[in-house]
Amino acid sequence: MSSARFWEIFRFCLVGGGCFLVDYGLLYALTEYAGIPYLWSSGLSFTASVFVNYWLCVVYVFRAAGGQTGRQKALFFGSSIAGLFLNQVCMYIFVDLCGIYYMIAKLGATAIVTIWNYVMKRKALAGTKKE
């Protein structure tokens, strides 16, 4: 692995950690304080974190992504929609079928979606550039 790729992954994880805090905090606040059912809260919090993540990925993680094409933007948000679907399926399975507390289930769902997100967002924002 090149040094540039290592630092890109490091930045991705740093941004992802911050966005996870946005997602996790909103999930809890919307469910516990606003009384929104966990699946709705999960979808809303995930969506909010996607917008924060997009901005941070463009300006900080994938530094060459400033002039991304409309196709690359569509891939980024398309992969996010697929990530939202994956998140919701994981949450449903973990909570409703396995009986796991929704805040713990979110940790598992996040781990699965994180792998998906890196692969797809790297393709969307970094294009076909080889390092």
Protein backbone atom coordinates (compact mmCIF):
# COMPACT_ATOMS: atom_id res chain seq x y z
CA MET A 1 0.00 0.00 0.00
CA SER A 2 1.34 3.40 -0.92
CA SER A 3 1.83 6.13 1.64
CA ALA A 4 -0.77 8.28 -0.14
CA ARG A 5 -3.35 5.50 0.04
CA PHE A 6 -2.59 4.91 3.73
CA TRP A 7 -3.22 8.59 4.56
CA GLU A 8 -6.34 8.61 2.43
CA ILE A 9 -7.71 5.65 4.40
CA PHE A 10 -6.68 7.36 7.64
CA ARG A 11 -8.55 10.54 6.64
CA PHE A 12 -11.54 8.44 5.54
CA CYS A 13 -11.64 6.75 8.96
CA LEU A 14 -11.29 10.08 10.78
CA VAL A 15 -14.14 11.63 8.80
CA GLY A 16 -16.16 8.45 9.10
CA GLY A 17 -15.72 8.49 12.88
CA GLY A 18 -17.02 12.05 13.08
CA CYS A 19 -19.95 11.22 10.81
CA PHE A 20 -20.66 8.14 12.89
CA LEU A 21 -20.98 10.39 15.94
CA VAL A 22 -23.47 12.55 14.02
CA ASP A 23 -25.41 9.44 12.95
CA TYR A 24 -25.29 7.71 16.36
CA GLY A 25 -26.14 10.86 18.31
CA LEU A 26 -29.06 11.76 16.08
CA LEU A 27 -30.35 8.17 16.18
CA TYR A 28 -30.43 8.30 19.96
CA ALA A 29 -31.88 11.82 20.19
CA LEU A 30 -34.60 11.21 17.61
CA THR A 31 -35.60 7.87 19.13
CA GLU A 32 -35.36 8.67 22.83
CA TYR A 33 -36.30 12.36 22.93
CA ALA A 34 -38.42 12.90 19.83
CA GLY A 35 -40.18 9.52 20.16
CA ILE A 36 -39.54 8.55 16.54
CA PRO A 37 -39.46 4.76 15.94
CA TYR A 38 -35.88 3.47 15.64
CA LEU A 39 -36.09 2.54 11.93
CA TRP A 40 -37.26 6.03 11.00
CA SER A 41 -34.66 7.62 13.29
CA SER A 42 -31.99 5.40 11.79
CA GLY A 43 -32.89 6.50 8.27
CA LEU A 44 -32.98 10.18 9.20
CA SER A 45 -29.72 10.12 11.14
CA PHE A 46 -27.97 8.13 8.39
CA THR A 47 -29.13 10.62 5.75
CA ALA A 48 -27.91 13.61 7.77
CA SER A 49 -24.51 11.98 8.22
CA VAL A 50 -24.28 11.29 4.47
CA PHE A 51 -24.46 15.00 3.67
CA VAL A 52 -21.78 15.82 6.25
CA ASN A 53 -19.70 12.91 4.95
CA TYR A 54 -20.00 14.05 1.34
CA TRP A 55 -18.72 17.51 2.08
CA LEU A 56 -15.83 16.24 4.22
CA CYS A 57 -14.87 13.58 1.66
CA VAL A 58 -14.71 16.17 -1.10
CA VAL A 59 -12.69 18.74 0.85
CA TYR A 60 -10.56 16.51 3.07
CA VAL A 61 -10.45 12.78 2.27
CA PHE A 62 -10.25 12.50 -1.51
CA ARG A 63 -8.40 15.75 -2.18
CA ALA A 64 -8.39 15.32 -5.95
CA ALA A 65 -12.19 15.16 -5.94
CA GLY A 66 -12.86 18.89 -6.11
CA GLY A 67 -13.92 18.79 -9.75
CA GLN A 68 -15.93 15.61 -9.74
CA THR A 69 -18.28 15.00 -12.63
CA GLY A 70 -22.04 14.68 -12.42
CA ARG A 71 -21.55 10.93 -12.89
CA GLN A 72 -19.19 10.78 -9.91
CA LYS A 73 -21.67 12.74 -7.76
CA ALA A 74 -24.45 10.38 -8.82
CA LEU A 75 -22.26 7.39 -7.90
CA PHE A 76 -21.50 8.92 -4.51
CA PHE A 77 -25.13 9.55 -3.65
CA GLY A 78 -26.29 6.34 -5.31
CA SER A 79 -23.85 4.37 -3.15
CA SER A 80 -25.17 6.30 -0.14
CA ILE A 81 -28.74 5.32 -0.98
CA ALA A 82 -27.59 1.70 -1.26
CA GLY A 83 -25.74 2.17 2.06
CA LEU A 84 -28.96 3.51 3.63
CA PHE A 85 -30.82 0.42 2.39
CA LEU A 86 -28.06 -1.84 3.77
CA ASN A 87 -28.13 0.04 7.08
CA GLN A 88 -31.91 -0.31 7.40
CA VAL A 89 -31.85 -4.03 6.54
CA CYS A 90 -29.10 -4.63 9.11
CA MET A 91 -30.98 -2.63 11.76
CA TYR A 92 -34.19 -4.55 11.13
CA ILE A 93 -32.43 -7.92 11.24
CA PHE A 94 -30.40 -7.09 14.35
CA VAL A 95 -33.24 -5.44 16.30
CA ASP A 96 -36.45 -7.12 15.19
CA LEU A 97 -35.20 -10.58 14.30
CA CYS A 98 -32.24 -10.98 16.71
CA GLY A 99 -33.60 -8.85 19.57
CA ILE A 100 -30.49 -6.67 19.92
CA TYR A 101 -30.89 -3.21 21.51
CA TYR A 102 -31.03 -0.68 18.68
CA MET A 103 -27.98 1.32 19.83
CA ILE A 104 -25.86 -1.85 19.88
CA ALA A 105 -27.34 -2.99 16.56
CA LYS A 106 -26.25 0.33 15.05
CA LEU A 107 -22.61 -0.55 15.80
CA GLY A 108 -22.87 -3.76 13.75
CA ALA A 109 -24.76 -2.06 10.94
CA THR A 110 -22.16 0.69 10.83
CA ALA A 111 -19.29 -1.78 10.56
CA ILE A 112 -20.93 -3.44 7.55
CA VAL A 113 -21.89 -0.18 5.84
CA THR A 114 -18.42 1.36 6.41
CA ILE A 115 -16.76 -1.24 4.19
CA TRP A 116 -19.36 -0.64 1.49
CA ASN A 117 -18.96 3.12 1.79
CA TYR A 118 -15.18 3.21 1.42
CA VAL A 119 -15.14 1.04 -1.68
CA MET A 120 -17.98 2.86 -3.41
CA LYS A 121 -17.11 6.42 -2.38
CA ARG A 122 -13.51 5.95 -3.41
CA LYS A 123 -14.69 4.88 -6.85
CA ALA A 124 -17.14 7.78 -7.01
CA LEU A 125 -14.82 10.56 -5.87
CA ALA A 126 -11.36 9.38 -6.81
CA GLY A 127 -12.39 8.13 -10.22
CA THR A 128 -10.03 5.80 -11.97
CA LYS A 129 -6.83 7.51 -10.82
CA LYS A 130 -4.10 4.94 -10.02
CA GLU A 131 -1.62 5.47 -7.22
